[in-house]
C-alpha atoms as a PDB file:
ATOM      1  CA  UNK A   1    -248.711 -58.036-211.457  1.00  0.00           C
ATOM      2  CA  UNK A   2    -248.255 -58.955-215.109  1.00  0.00           C
ATOM      3  CA  UNK A   3    -244.503 -58.231-215.271  1.00  0.00           C
ATOM      4  CA  UNK A   4    -241.767 -57.927-212.618  1.00  0.00           C
ATOM      5  CA  UNK A   5    -240.610 -54.473-213.813  1.00  0.00           C
ATOM      6  CA  UNK A   6    -242.229 -51.036-213.797  1.00  0.00           C
ATOM      7  CA  UNK A   7    -242.838 -49.774-217.358  1.00  0.00           C
ATOM      8  CA  UNK A   8    -244.263 -53.071-218.584  1.00  0.00           C
ATOM      9  CA  UNK A   9    -246.344 -53.517-215.436  1.00  0.00           C
ATOM     10  CA  UNK A  10    -247.808 -49.999-215.705  1.00  0.00           C
ATOM     11  CA  UNK A  11    -248.503 -50.240-219.447  1.00  0.00           C
ATOM     12  CA  UNK A  12    -250.326 -53.475-218.777  1.00  0.00           C
ATOM     13  CA  UNK A  13    -252.424 -51.942-215.996  1.00  0.00           C
ATOM     14  CA  UNK A  14    -253.447 -48.958-218.140  1.00  0.00           C
ATOM     15  CA  UNK A  15    -254.479 -51.064-221.139  1.00  0.00           C
ATOM     16  CA  UNK A  16    -255.667 -54.291-219.525  1.00  0.00           C
ATOM     17  CA  UNK A  17    -253.391 -56.298-221.852  1.00  0.00           C
ATOM     18  CA  UNK A  18    -250.436 -58.547-221.147  1.00  0.00           C
ATOM     19  CA  UNK A  19    -247.297 -56.409-221.702  1.00  0.00           C
ATOM     20  CA  UNK A  20    -245.868 -58.694-224.388  1.00  0.00           C
ATOM     21  CA  UNK A  21    -248.906 -57.868-226.542  1.00  0.00           C
ATOM     22  CA  UNK A  22    -247.993 -54.188-226.202  1.00  0.00           C
ATOM     23  CA  UNK A  23    -244.355 -54.566-227.214  1.00  0.00           C
ATOM     24  CA  UNK A  24    -243.217 -53.279-223.809  1.00  0.00           C
ATOM     25  CA  UNK A  25    -241.644 -56.163-221.958  1.00  0.00           C
ATOM     26  CA  UNK A  26    -239.176 -54.307-219.716  1.00  0.00           C
ATOM     27  CA  UNK A  27    -238.377 -50.920-218.231  1.00  0.00           C
ATOM     28  CA  UNK A  28    -238.107 -47.974-220.616  1.00  0.00           C
ATOM     29  CA  UNK A  29    -235.358 -45.405-220.185  1.00  0.00           C
ATOM     30  CA  UNK A  30    -236.749 -42.141-218.743  1.00  0.00           C
ATOM     31  CA  UNK A  31    -235.415 -40.369-221.855  1.00  0.00           C
ATOM     32  CA  UNK A  32    -237.066 -42.820-224.264  1.00  0.00           C
ATOM     33  CA  UNK A  33    -238.727 -41.029-227.196  1.00  0.00           C
ATOM     34  CA  UNK A  34    -241.071 -43.934-227.796  1.00  0.00           C
ATOM     35  CA  UNK A  35    -243.202 -45.652-225.217  1.00  0.00           C
ATOM     36  CA  UNK A  36    -246.789 -46.830-225.121  1.00  0.00           C
ATOM     37  CA  UNK A  37    -248.074 -46.798-228.707  1.00  0.00           C
ATOM     38  CA  UNK A  38    -250.769 -44.087-229.103  1.00  0.00           C
ATOM     39  CA  UNK A  39    -252.738 -46.695-231.062  1.00  0.00           C
ATOM     40  CA  UNK A  40    -253.106 -48.761-227.887  1.00  0.00           C
ATOM     41  CA  UNK A  41    -256.288 -47.921-225.972  1.00  0.00           C
ATOM     42  CA  UNK A  42    -255.981 -46.988-222.302  1.00  0.00           C
ATOM     43  CA  UNK A  43    -258.699 -47.161-219.672  1.00  0.00           C
ATOM     44  CA  UNK A  44    -258.744 -43.352-219.698  1.00  0.00           C
ATOM     45  CA  UNK A  45    -259.575 -43.294-223.419  1.00  0.00           C
ATOM     46  CA  UNK A  46    -262.461 -45.712-222.910  1.00  0.00           C
ATOM     47  CA  UNK A  47    -264.164 -43.967-219.974  1.00  0.00           C
ATOM     48  CA  UNK A  48    -263.616 -40.395-221.191  1.00  0.00           C
ATOM     49  CA  UNK A  49    -266.502 -40.487-223.739  1.00  0.00           C
ATOM     50  CA  UNK A  50    -268.776 -41.712-220.920  1.00  0.00           C
ATOM     51  CA  UNK A  51    -268.321 -38.400-219.108  1.00  0.00           C
ATOM     52  CA  UNK A  52    -265.443 -39.337-216.807  1.00  0.00           C
ATOM     53  CA  UNK A  53    -262.799 -36.743-216.020  1.00  0.00           C
ATOM     54  CA  UNK A  54    -259.419 -38.477-216.364  1.00  0.00           C
ATOM     55  CA  UNK A  55    -256.121 -37.651-214.661  1.00  0.00           C
ATOM     56  CA  UNK A  56    -252.585 -39.053-214.443  1.00  0.00           C
ATOM     57  CA  UNK A  57    -250.327 -37.751-211.678  1.00  0.00           C
ATOM     58  CA  UNK A  58    -246.821 -38.927-210.833  1.00  0.00           C
ATOM     59  CA  UNK A  59    -244.681 -41.440-212.681  1.00  0.00           C
ATOM     60  CA  UNK A  60    -245.440 -42.041-216.371  1.00  0.00           C
ATOM     61  CA  UNK A  61    -242.331 -43.854-217.683  1.00  0.00           C
ATOM     62  CA  UNK A  62    -244.176 -44.845-220.864  1.00  0.00           C
ATOM     63  CA  UNK A  63    -242.852 -42.233-223.262  1.00  0.00           C
ATOM     64  CA  UNK A  64    -242.548 -38.420-223.341  1.00  0.00           C
ATOM     65  CA  UNK A  65    -243.944 -36.839-220.182  1.00  0.00           C
ATOM     66  CA  UNK A  66    -245.376 -33.868-222.072  1.00  0.00           C
ATOM     67  CA  UNK A  67    -247.586 -36.094-224.254  1.00  0.00           C
ATOM     68  CA  UNK A  68    -249.610 -37.937-221.618  1.00  0.00           C
ATOM     69  CA  UNK A  69    -252.792 -36.251-222.838  1.00  0.00           C
ATOM     70  CA  UNK A  70    -252.416 -38.233-226.095  1.00  0.00           C
ATOM     71  CA  UNK A  71    -253.415 -41.329-224.104  1.00  0.00           C
ATOM     72  CA  UNK A  72    -256.836 -40.177-222.925  1.00  0.00           C
ATOM     73  CA  UNK A  73    -255.895 -38.145-219.849  1.00  0.00           C
ATOM     74  CA  UNK A  74    -257.546 -34.727-219.564  1.00  0.00           C
ATOM     75  CA  UNK A  75    -255.241 -33.670-216.736  1.00  0.00           C
ATOM     76  CA  UNK A  76    -251.643 -34.675-216.058  1.00  0.00           C
ATOM     77  CA  UNK A  77    -248.831 -33.750-213.713  1.00  0.00           C
ATOM     78  CA  UNK A  78    -245.769 -35.820-214.621  1.00  0.00           C
ATOM     79  CA  UNK A  79    -243.976 -35.517-211.277  1.00  0.00           C
ATOM     80  CA  UNK A  80    -241.507 -38.408-211.018  1.00  0.00           C
ATOM     81  CA  UNK A  81    -238.639 -36.887-209.013  1.00  0.00           C
ATOM     82  CA  UNK A  82    -237.419 -33.760-207.251  1.00  0.00           C
ATOM     83  CA  UNK A  83    -237.004 -31.808-210.473  1.00  0.00           C
ATOM     84  CA  UNK A  84    -239.103 -29.688-212.873  1.00  0.00           C
ATOM     85  CA  UNK A  85    -241.793 -31.599-214.751  1.00  0.00           C
ATOM     86  CA  UNK A  86    -244.494 -31.133-217.390  1.00  0.00           C
ATOM     87  CA  UNK A  87    -248.126 -30.522-216.467  1.00  0.00           C
ATOM     88  CA  UNK A  88    -251.387 -29.110-217.820  1.00  0.00           C
ATOM     89  CA  UNK A  89    -253.083 -28.774-214.408  1.00  0.00           C
ATOM     90  CA  UNK A  90    -252.547 -26.583-211.364  1.00  0.00           C
ATOM     91  CA  UNK A  91    -253.401 -26.811-207.669  1.00  0.00           C
ATOM     92  CA  UNK A  92    -256.424 -24.580-208.180  1.00  0.00           C
ATOM     93  CA  UNK A  93    -257.881 -27.409-210.253  1.00  0.00           C
ATOM     94  CA  UNK A  94    -257.572 -25.490-213.501  1.00  0.00           C
ATOM     95  CA  UNK A  95    -256.662 -26.897-216.903  1.00  0.00           C
ATOM     96  CA  UNK A  96    -253.768 -24.859-218.354  1.00  0.00           C
ATOM     97  CA  UNK A  97    -251.559 -25.156-221.461  1.00  0.00           C
ATOM     98  CA  UNK A  98    -248.926 -27.895-221.134  1.00  0.00           C
ATOM     99  CA  UNK A  99    -245.815 -26.299-219.681  1.00  0.00           C
ATOM    100  CA  UNK A 100    -242.709 -27.051-217.619  1.00  0.00           C
ATOM    101  CA  UNK A 101    -243.415 -26.626-213.900  1.00  0.00           C
ATOM    102  CA  UNK A 102    -240.584 -25.722-211.493  1.00  0.00           C
ATOM    103  CA  UNK A 103    -239.822 -28.032-208.588  1.00  0.00           C
ATOM    104  CA  UNK A 104    -241.118 -26.887-205.197  1.00  0.00           C
ATOM    105  CA  UNK A 105    -241.836 -29.685-202.711  1.00  0.00           C
ATOM    106  CA  UNK A 106    -241.014 -33.394-202.307  1.00  0.00           C
ATOM    107  CA  UNK A 107    -242.398 -35.238-205.334  1.00  0.00           C
ATOM    108  CA  UNK A 108    -244.514 -37.733-203.370  1.00  0.00           C
ATOM    109  CA  UNK A 109    -246.143 -35.031-201.229  1.00  0.00           C
ATOM    110  CA  UNK A 110    -246.656 -32.996-204.394  1.00  0.00           C
ATOM    111  CA  UNK A 111    -248.498 -35.810-206.198  1.00  0.00           C
ATOM    112  CA  UNK A 112    -250.851 -36.192-203.242  1.00  0.00           C
ATOM    113  CA  UNK A 113    -251.669 -32.472-203.291  1.00  0.00           C
ATOM    114  CA  UNK A 114    -252.515 -32.591-206.989  1.00  0.00           C
ATOM    115  CA  UNK A 115    -254.664 -35.680-206.504  1.00  0.00           C
ATOM    116  CA  UNK A 116    -256.636 -33.925-203.762  1.00  0.00           C
ATOM    117  CA  UNK A 117    -257.076 -30.853-205.972  1.00  0.00           C
ATOM    118  CA  UNK A 118    -258.413 -33.019-208.814  1.00  0.00           C
ATOM    119  CA  UNK A 119    -260.863 -34.858-206.545  1.00  0.00           C
ATOM    120  CA  UNK A 120    -262.235 -31.606-205.125  1.00  0.00           C
ATOM    121  CA  UNK A 121    -262.617 -30.180-208.611  1.00  0.00           C
ATOM    122  CA  UNK A 122    -264.443 -33.264-209.916  1.00  0.00           C
ATOM    123  CA  UNK A 123    -266.485 -34.114-206.803  1.00  0.00           C
ATOM    124  CA  UNK A 124    -269.762 -33.760-208.709  1.00  0.00           C
ATOM    125  CA  UNK A 125    -268.575 -35.727-211.772  1.00  0.00           C
ATOM    126  CA  UNK A 126    -267.479 -39.307-212.423  1.00  0.00           C
ATOM    127  CA  UNK A 127    -263.692 -39.454-212.502  1.00  0.00           C
ATOM    128  CA  UNK A 128    -260.804 -41.830-213.164  1.00  0.00           C
ATOM    129  CA  UNK A 129    -257.567 -41.012-211.339  1.00  0.00           C
ATOM    130  CA  UNK A 130    -254.299 -42.833-212.035  1.00  0.00           C
ATOM    131  CA  UNK A 131    -251.999 -41.781-209.186  1.00  0.00           C
ATOM    132  CA  UNK A 132    -248.559 -43.264-209.790  1.00  0.00           C
ATOM    133  CA  UNK A 133    -246.218 -42.608-206.881  1.00  0.00           C
ATOM    134  CA  UNK A 134    -242.536 -43.346-207.510  1.00  0.00           C
ATOM    135  CA  UNK A 135    -242.094 -45.124-204.207  1.00  0.00           C
ATOM    136  CA  UNK A 136    -240.395 -47.012-202.868  1.00  0.00           C
ATOM    137  CA  UNK A 137    -237.830 -46.690-205.640  1.00  0.00           C
ATOM    138  CA  UNK A 138    -234.349 -45.341-206.247  1.00  0.00           C
ATOM    139  CA  UNK A 139    -233.136 -42.674-206.160  1.00  0.00           C
ATOM    140  CA  UNK A 140    -234.048 -42.629-202.485  1.00  0.00           C
ATOM    141  CA  UNK A 141    -234.652 -38.943-201.884  1.00  0.00           C
ATOM    142  CA  UNK A 142    -236.925 -38.355-198.888  1.00  0.00           C
ATOM    143  CA  UNK A 143    -236.571 -34.950-197.186  1.00  0.00           C
ATOM    144  CA  UNK A 144    -235.558 -34.437-193.557  1.00  0.00           C
ATOM    145  CA  UNK A 145    -239.084 -34.034-192.163  1.00  0.00           C
ATOM    146  CA  UNK A 146    -239.961 -37.536-193.368  1.00  0.00           C
ATOM    147  CA  UNK A 147    -236.591 -39.058-192.412  1.00  0.00           C
ATOM    148  CA  UNK A 148    -236.959 -37.728-188.861  1.00  0.00           C
ATOM    149  CA  UNK A 149    -240.019 -39.964-188.414  1.00  0.00           C
ATOM    150  CA  UNK A 150    -237.669 -42.988-188.372  1.00  0.00           C
ATOM    151  CA  UNK A 151    -234.986 -42.311-185.748  1.00  0.00           C
ATOM    152  CA  UNK A 152    -232.528 -44.814-184.412  1.00  0.00           C
ATOM    153  CA  UNK A 153    -229.709 -46.890-185.807  1.00  0.00           C
ATOM    154  CA  UNK A 154    -230.407 -48.458-189.217  1.00  0.00           C
ATOM    155  CA  UNK A 155    -228.909 -48.347-192.717  1.00  0.00           C
ATOM    156  CA  UNK A 156    -229.637 -44.975-194.300  1.00  0.00           C
ATOM    157  CA  UNK A 157    -231.082 -46.681-197.383  1.00  0.00           C
ATOM    158  CA  UNK A 158    -233.680 -48.315-195.120  1.00  0.00           C
ATOM    159  CA  UNK A 159    -234.538 -45.026-193.397  1.00  0.00           C
ATOM    160  CA  UNK A 160    -234.956 -43.427-196.838  1.00  0.00           C
ATOM    161  CA  UNK A 161    -237.222 -46.194-198.143  1.00  0.00           C
ATOM    162  CA  UNK A 162    -239.391 -46.153-195.004  1.00  0.00           C
ATOM    163  CA  UNK A 163    -239.683 -42.356-195.199  1.00  0.00           C
ATOM    164  CA  UNK A 164    -240.836 -42.574-198.824  1.00  0.00           C
ATOM    165  CA  UNK A 165    -243.393 -45.257-197.983  1.00  0.00           C
ATOM    166  CA  UNK A 166    -244.655 -43.091-195.111  1.00  0.00           C
ATOM    167  CA  UNK A 167    -245.112 -40.095-197.410  1.00  0.00           C
ATOM    168  CA  UNK A 168    -247.073 -42.234-199.846  1.00  0.00           C
ATOM    169  CA  UNK A 169    -249.233 -43.613-197.024  1.00  0.00           C
ATOM    170  CA  UNK A 170    -249.913 -40.056-195.831  1.00  0.00           C
ATOM    171  CA  UNK A 171    -251.149 -39.191-199.308  1.00  0.00           C
ATOM    172  CA  UNK A 172    -253.412 -42.225-199.585  1.00  0.00           C
ATOM    173  CA  UNK A 173    -254.810 -41.476-196.130  1.00  0.00           C
ATOM    174  CA  UNK A 174    -255.523 -37.864-197.088  1.00  0.00           C
ATOM    175  CA  UNK A 175    -257.300 -39.002-200.264  1.00  0.00           C
ATOM    176  CA  UNK A 176    -259.482 -41.486-198.365  1.00  0.00           C
ATOM    177  CA  UNK A 177    -260.311 -38.787-195.798  1.00  0.00           C
ATOM    178  CA  UNK A 178    -261.230 -36.348-198.571  1.00  0.00           C
ATOM    179  CA  UNK A 179    -263.516 -38.897-200.253  1.00  0.00           C
ATOM    180  CA  UNK A 180    -265.240 -39.399-196.913  1.00  0.00           C
ATOM    181  CA  UNK A 181    -265.587 -35.641-196.388  1.00  0.00           C
ATOM    182  CA  UNK A 182    -267.177 -35.281-199.852  1.00  0.00           C
ATOM    183  CA  UNK A 183    -269.506 -38.274-199.266  1.00  0.00           C
ATOM    184  CA  UNK A 184    -267.857 -40.143-202.149  1.00  0.00           C
ATOM    185  CA  UNK A 185    -266.556 -43.156-200.230  1.00  0.00           C
ATOM    186  CA  UNK A 186    -269.255 -45.599-201.314  1.00  0.00           C
ATOM    187  CA  UNK A 187    -269.108 -44.339-204.899  1.00  0.00           C
ATOM    188  CA  UNK A 188    -265.352 -44.792-205.261  1.00  0.00           C
ATOM    189  CA  UNK A 189    -263.495 -48.012-206.024  1.00  0.00           C
ATOM    190  CA  UNK A 190    -259.817 -47.892-205.081  1.00  0.00           C
ATOM    191  CA  UNK A 191    -257.095 -50.262-206.260  1.00  0.00           C
ATOM    192  CA  UNK A 192    -253.749 -49.917-204.476  1.00  0.00           C
ATOM    193  CA  UNK A 193    -251.127 -52.058-206.227  1.00  0.00           C
ATOM    194  CA  UNK A 194    -247.332 -52.279-206.324  1.00  0.00           C
ATOM    195  CA  UNK A 195    -245.443 -52.297-209.644  1.00  0.00           C
ATOM    196  CA  UNK A 196    -243.270 -55.298-208.837  1.00  0.00           C
ATOM    197  CA  UNK A 197    -241.530 -57.035-205.983  1.00  0.00           C
ATOM    198  CA  UNK A 198    -238.755 -55.311-204.055  1.00  0.00           C
ATOM    199  CA  UNK A 199    -235.284 -55.118-205.667  1.00  0.00           C
ATOM    200  CA  UNK A 200    -233.152 -56.652-202.917  1.00  0.00           C
ATOM    201  CA  UNK A 201    -229.668 -57.030-204.496  1.00  0.00           C
ATOM    202  CA  UNK A 202    -227.265 -59.257-202.620  1.00  0.00           C
ATOM    203  CA  UNK A 203    -224.652 -56.593-201.782  1.00  0.00           C
ATOM    204  CA  UNK A 204    -227.148 -54.001-200.401  1.00  0.00           C
ATOM    205  CA  UNK A 205    -224.668 -51.120-200.508  1.00  0.00           C
ATOM    206  CA  UNK A 206    -225.579 -48.242-198.204  1.00  0.00           C
ATOM    207  CA  UNK A 207    -224.801 -45.916-201.115  1.00  0.00           C
ATOM    208  CA  UNK A 208    -225.892 -42.300-201.702  1.00  0.00           C
ATOM    209  CA  UNK A 209    -229.419 -42.389-203.055  1.00  0.00           C
ATOM    210  CA  UNK A 210    -229.731 -46.009-201.986  1.00  0.00           C
ATOM    211  CA  UNK A 211    -227.793 -47.692-204.775  1.00  0.00           C
ATOM    212  CA  UNK A 212    -229.673 -50.190-206.949  1.00  0.00           C
ATOM    213  CA  UNK A 213    -231.331 -52.008-204.017  1.00  0.00           C
ATOM    214  CA  UNK A 214    -232.444 -51.435-200.448  1.00  0.00           C
ATOM    215  CA  UNK A 215    -233.922 -53.219-197.454  1.00  0.00           C
ATOM    216  CA  UNK A 216    -236.797 -50.824-196.875  1.00  0.00           C
ATOM    217  CA  UNK A 217    -238.953 -53.788-197.837  1.00  0.00           C
ATOM    218  CA  UNK A 218    -238.388 -57.520-197.884  1.00  0.00           C
ATOM    219  CA  UNK A 219    -240.073 -60.231-199.929  1.00  0.00           C
ATOM    220  CA  UNK A 220    -239.963 -62.987-197.293  1.00  0.00           C
ATOM    221  CA  UNK A 221    -241.212 -65.682-197.178  1.00  0.00           C
ATOM    222  CA  UNK A 222    -241.305 -65.459-200.977  1.00  0.00           C
ATOM    223  CA  UNK A 223    -238.284 -66.271-203.103  1.00  0.00           C
ATOM    224  CA  UNK A 224    -236.858 -63.865-205.682  1.00  0.00           C
ATOM    225  CA  UNK A 225    -237.059 -60.137-206.355  1.00  0.00           C
ATOM    226  CA  UNK A 226    -237.806 -57.509-209.005  1.00  0.00           C
ATOM    227  CA  UNK A 227    -236.942 -58.836-212.456  1.00  0.00           C
ATOM    228  CA  UNK A 228    -237.798 -62.441-211.580  1.00  0.00           C
ATOM    229  CA  UNK A 229    -240.951 -64.492-212.167  1.00  0.00           C
ATOM    230  CA  UNK A 230    -240.504 -66.137-208.788  1.00  0.00           C
ATOM    231  CA  UNK A 231    -243.211 -64.953-206.364  1.00  0.00           C
ATOM    232  CA  UNK A 232    -240.892 -62.312-204.887  1.00  0.00           C
ATOM    233  CA  UNK A 233    -240.881 -60.530-208.245  1.00  0.00           C
ATOM    234  CA  UNK A 234    -244.591 -60.601-209.124  1.00  0.00           C
ATOM    235  CA  UNK A 235    -246.631 -60.953-205.916  1.00  0.00           C
ATOM    236  CA  UNK A 236    -247.128 -57.441-204.559  1.00  0.00           C
ATOM    237  CA  UNK A 237    -249.135 -55.404-202.030  1.00  0.00           C
ATOM    238  CA  UNK A 238    -252.629 -55.426-203.544  1.00  0.00           C
ATOM    239  CA  UNK A 239    -255.527 -53.787-201.723  1.00  0.00           C
ATOM    240  CA  UNK A 240    -259.029 -53.091-202.998  1.00  0.00           C
ATOM    241  CA  UNK A 241    -261.469 -50.782-201.226  1.00  0.00           C
ATOM    242  CA  UNK A 242    -265.132 -50.166-201.997  1.00  0.00           C
ATOM    243  CA  UNK A 243    -267.016 -49.602-198.721  1.00  0.00           C
ATOM    244  CA  UNK A 244    -270.659 -50.619-198.858  1.00  0.00           C
ATOM    245  CA  UNK A 245    -270.029 -53.060-201.727  1.00  0.00           C
ATOM    246  CA  UNK A 246    -266.992 -55.201-200.894  1.00  0.00           C
ATOM    247  CA  UNK A 247    -266.610 -57.002-197.554  1.00  0.00           C
ATOM    248  CA  UNK A 248    -263.631 -56.386-195.282  1.00  0.00           C
ATOM    249  CA  UNK A 249    -261.704 -59.613-195.714  1.00  0.00           C
ATOM    250  CA  UNK A 250    -258.482 -61.206-196.922  1.00  0.00           C
ATOM    251  CA  UNK A 251    -258.841 -62.732-200.372  1.00  0.00           C
ATOM    252  CA  UNK A 252    -256.479 -65.656-200.893  1.00  0.00           C
ATOM    253  CA  UNK A 253    -257.132 -66.605-204.523  1.00  0.00           C
ATOM    254  CA  UNK A 254    -254.763 -65.407-207.280  1.00  0.00           C
ATOM    255  CA  UNK A 255    -255.827 -62.286-209.158  1.00  0.00           C
ATOM    256  CA  UNK A 256    -253.749 -59.951-211.338  1.00  0.00           C
ATOM    257  CA  UNK A 257    -253.470 -56.202-211.922  1.00  0.00           C
ATOM    258  CA  UNK A 258    -255.080 -56.770-215.336  1.00  0.00           C
ATOM    259  CA  UNK A 259    -258.292 -57.485-213.414  1.00  0.00           C
ATOM    260  CA  UNK A 260    -258.343 -53.932-212.038  1.00  0.00           C
ATOM    261  CA  UNK A 261    -258.681 -52.589-215.583  1.00  0.00           C
ATOM    262  CA  UNK A 262    -261.347 -55.070-216.645  1.00  0.00           C
ATOM    263  CA  UNK A 263    -263.294 -54.535-213.414  1.00  0.00           C
ATOM    264  CA  UNK A 264    -263.306 -50.752-213.698  1.00  0.00           C
ATOM    265  CA  UNK A 265    -264.426 -50.830-217.332  1.00  0.00           C
ATOM    266  CA  UNK A 266    -267.130 -53.391-216.616  1.00  0.00           C
ATOM    267  CA  UNK A 267    -268.523 -51.239-213.802  1.00  0.00           C
ATOM    268  CA  UNK A 268    -268.552 -48.287-216.202  1.00  0.00           C
ATOM    269  CA  UNK A 269    -270.717 -50.351-218.570  1.00  0.00           C
ATOM    270  CA  UNK A 270    -267.969 -51.400-220.979  1.00  0.00           C
ATOM    271  CA  UNK A 271    -267.482 -55.094-221.765  1.00  0.00           C
ATOM    272  CA  UNK A 272    -264.278 -55.435-223.776  1.00  0.00           C
ATOM    273  CA  UNK A 273    -263.581 -59.064-224.772  1.00  0.00           C
ATOM    274  CA  UNK A 274    -260.010 -58.319-225.896  1.00  0.00           C
ATOM    275  CA  UNK A 275    -258.875 -57.570-222.335  1.00  0.00           C
ATOM    276  CA  UNK A 276    -256.695 -60.129-220.569  1.00  0.00           C
ATOM    277  CA  UNK A 277    -258.259 -59.556-217.140  1.00  0.00           C
ATOM    278  CA  UNK A 278    -261.769 -60.139-215.787  1.00  0.00           C
ATOM    279  CA  UNK A 279    -264.328 -58.379-213.597  1.00  0.00           C
ATOM    280  CA  UNK A 280    -263.528 -59.753-210.133  1.00  0.00           C
ATOM    281  CA  UNK A 281    -266.242 -58.036-208.051  1.00  0.00           C
ATOM    282  CA  UNK A 282    -268.427 -61.142-207.725  1.00  0.00           C
ATOM    283  CA  UNK A 283    -265.373 -63.235-206.786  1.00  0.00           C
ATOM    284  CA  UNK A 284    -264.380 -60.722-204.106  1.00  0.00           C
ATOM    285  CA  UNK A 285    -267.917 -60.650-202.689  1.00  0.00           C
ATOM    286  CA  UNK A 286    -268.280 -64.439-202.623  1.00  0.00           C
ATOM    287  CA  UNK A 287    -264.604 -65.261-201.937  1.00  0.00           C
ATOM    288  CA  UNK A 288    -264.442 -67.587-204.931  1.00  0.00           C
ATOM    289  CA  UNK A 289    -261.564 -68.288-207.323  1.00  0.00           C
ATOM    290  CA  UNK A 290    -261.777 -67.351-211.032  1.00  0.00           C
ATOM    291  CA  UNK A 291    -261.511 -70.414-213.276  1.00  0.00           C
ATOM    292  CA  UNK A 292    -258.563 -69.368-215.436  1.00  0.00           C
ATOM    293  CA  UNK A 293    -254.785 -69.429-215.680  1.00  0.00           C
ATOM    294  CA  UNK A 294    -252.379 -66.503-215.359  1.00  0.00           C
ATOM    295  CA  UNK A 295    -249.350 -66.215-217.641  1.00  0.00           C
ATOM    296  CA  UNK A 296    -245.995 -64.424-217.702  1.00  0.00           C
ATOM    297  CA  UNK A 297    -243.031 -64.147-220.067  1.00  0.00           C
ATOM    298  CA  UNK A 298    -239.960 -62.089-219.194  1.00  0.00           C
ATOM    299  CA  UNK A 299    -236.500 -62.392-220.855  1.00  0.00           C
ATOM    300  CA  UNK A 300    -235.480 -66.078-220.413  1.00  0.00           C
ATOM    301  CA  UNK A 301    -238.250 -66.769-217.891  1.00  0.00           C
ATOM    302  CA  UNK A 302    -241.851 -67.885-218.365  1.00  0.00           C
ATOM    303  CA  UNK A 303    -244.542 -68.996-215.945  1.00  0.00           C
ATOM    304  CA  UNK A 304    -248.146 -70.102-215.841  1.00  0.00           C
ATOM    305  CA  UNK A 305    -250.355 -70.424-212.775  1.00  0.00           C
ATOM    306  CA  UNK A 306    -253.728 -72.047-212.186  1.00  0.00           C
ATOM    307  CA  UNK A 307    -255.132 -72.139-208.662  1.00  0.00           C
ATOM    308  CA  UNK A 308    -252.331 -73.325-206.362  1.00  0.00           C
ATOM    309  CA  UNK A 309    -250.095 -74.714-209.132  1.00  0.00           C
ATOM    310  CA  UNK A 310    -247.349 -72.693-210.798  1.00  0.00           C
ATOM    311  CA  UNK A 311    -245.072 -73.931-213.581  1.00  0.00           C
ATOM    312  CA  UNK A 312    -241.900 -71.837-213.901  1.00  0.00           C
ATOM    313  CA  UNK A 313    -239.252 -72.008-216.627  1.00  0.00           C
ATOM    314  CA  UNK A 314    -235.898 -70.264-216.264  1.00  0.00           C
ATOM    315  CA  UNK A 315    -233.563 -70.939-219.166  1.00  0.00           C
ATOM    316  CA  UNK A 316    -233.240 -74.733-219.337  1.00  0.00           C
ATOM    317  CA  UNK A 317    -234.565 -75.273-215.809  1.00  0.00           C
ATOM    318  CA  UNK A 318    -238.195 -76.156-215.103  1.00  0.00           C
ATOM    319  CA  UNK A 319    -240.085 -76.156-211.806  1.00  0.00           C
ATOM    320  CA  UNK A 320    -243.576 -77.058-210.636  1.00  0.00           C
ATOM    321  CA  UNK A 321    -244.648 -75.467-207.346  1.00  0.00           C
ATOM    322  CA  UNK A 322    -247.621 -76.001-205.045  1.00  0.00           C
ATOM    323  CA  UNK A 323    -247.897 -72.417-203.762  1.00  0.00           C
ATOM    324  CA  UNK A 324    -250.369 -73.249-201.004  1.00  0.00           C
ATOM    325  CA  UNK A 325    -247.855 -75.565-199.312  1.00  0.00           C
ATOM    326  CA  UNK A 326    -244.654 -73.991-200.640  1.00  0.00           C
ATOM    327  CA  UNK A 327    -245.147 -70.184-200.956  1.00  0.00           C
ATOM    328  CA  UNK A 328    -241.366 -69.722-200.877  1.00  0.00           C
ATOM    329  CA  UNK A 329    -240.928 -71.885-204.007  1.00  0.00           C
ATOM    330  CA  UNK A 330    -238.179 -73.808-202.232  1.00  0.00           C
END
């Protein structure tokens, strides 16, 4: 990912630009009145004139949740937690005036239901869906029916995190099954990407809601965590699915979430030279490495990577790592 924290990482994904260019380098407060500048162009704004239906469901965290449609999204359901939210879309697939929606079911399950409704509604049209689950993330708030799937002795924060991941996986599985049912599998490119590395925190308090960290996921053998430019903060789960076009394989060369944006736009017929990512389809097919460097800047840290080499600066300290032979940056 392009930044080891959520708001900046998500803004970068939606625009295809390094977050520092956007003026969003960190995490925005949920109550922030200002977020992603409406003058910045999102992927939704670019594909919408080409006939794509566009939707954003789940976590926004880039400004007011009732103004998501100002960023190119036809449909939105800003469900980020177990609380009322703003939406202009209902489960019948209908566009409605933006309004507060009361809370009914667990937010992750809810986002999956809305995604399925959108896909069914748009099955005969090209569509772009940005489904942003808030998981795994504090507050840890999984309901009993998900927690019961992980019995046995373990810290409650771990049980909560695993239950949230399981709910998210259920949703992704249901979406893939629905695409198959609608014969859309080979027409649909899916990127499944984490925001940032896991926030581990040394004390790992088993606090209500999980506290600021949890051990529902670990970053081993990588060093570091969320908020760091060590690999544990920026190397994330990253899966790409396009049956019939991409081979089933493990791709070992470094790519970045910015490439998801550039790839999607390129496939839609848009070549935008100002983007910081590239179309990676040919590299995925041929298992070749792009000839470029990747760059990061976050608070007092900066890093640049090319192929196996990574140069990392933290304050006055400087490191050069060979990530093929030292993935833990030891």
